[in-house]
Protein backbone atom coordinates (compact mmCIF):
# COMPACT_ATOMS: atom_id res chain seq x y z
CA MET A 1 0.00 0.00 0.00
CA GLY A 2 1.25 3.49 -0.85
CA MET A 3 1.83 6.39 1.48
CA THR A 4 -0.47 9.35 1.90
CA ALA A 5 0.67 12.83 0.84
CA THR A 6 1.43 13.73 4.46
CA GLU A 7 3.49 10.56 4.94
CA LYS A 8 5.45 11.34 1.76
CA ILE A 9 6.20 14.87 2.93
CA LEU A 10 7.28 13.71 6.39
CA ALA A 11 9.41 10.88 4.97
CA ARG A 12 11.22 13.24 2.62
CA ALA A 13 11.77 15.90 5.28
CA SER A 14 13.08 13.34 7.80
CA ARG A 15 15.28 11.62 5.19
CA ARG A 16 13.53 8.27 5.60
CA GLU A 17 12.32 5.88 2.94
CA ARG A 18 8.87 5.59 4.51
CA VAL A 19 6.95 6.61 7.60
CA ARG A 20 3.88 5.05 9.15
CA PRO A 21 1.32 6.25 11.70
CA GLY A 22 2.86 6.11 15.17
CA ASP A 23 6.44 6.69 13.96
CA ILE A 24 8.44 9.41 15.68
CA VAL A 25 10.20 11.56 13.09
CA PHE A 26 12.50 14.57 13.27
CA PRO A 27 11.96 16.44 9.99
CA ASP A 28 14.27 19.24 8.86
CA PRO A 29 12.11 22.29 8.08
CA ASP A 30 12.46 23.94 4.66
CA LEU A 31 11.03 27.22 5.91
CA VAL A 32 10.39 28.70 9.36
CA ILE A 33 8.08 31.67 9.85
CA VAL A 34 7.68 33.56 13.11
CA HIS A 35 4.73 35.88 13.63
CA ASP A 36 5.12 38.37 16.43
CA GLY A 37 1.66 39.51 17.51
CA LEU A 38 2.95 42.08 20.01
CA VAL A 39 1.72 45.60 19.35
CA VAL A 40 3.54 48.43 21.14
CA SER A 41 1.82 51.82 21.28
């Protein structure tokens, strides 16, 4: 059985051939965005 789109993304980002539900993975992010909601008047 094939992997879902989410499993494919997580497998690629964690440099693994395949991932399955319940696996613990440590993916490397391609992009990190931080949103600072603090408003100073």
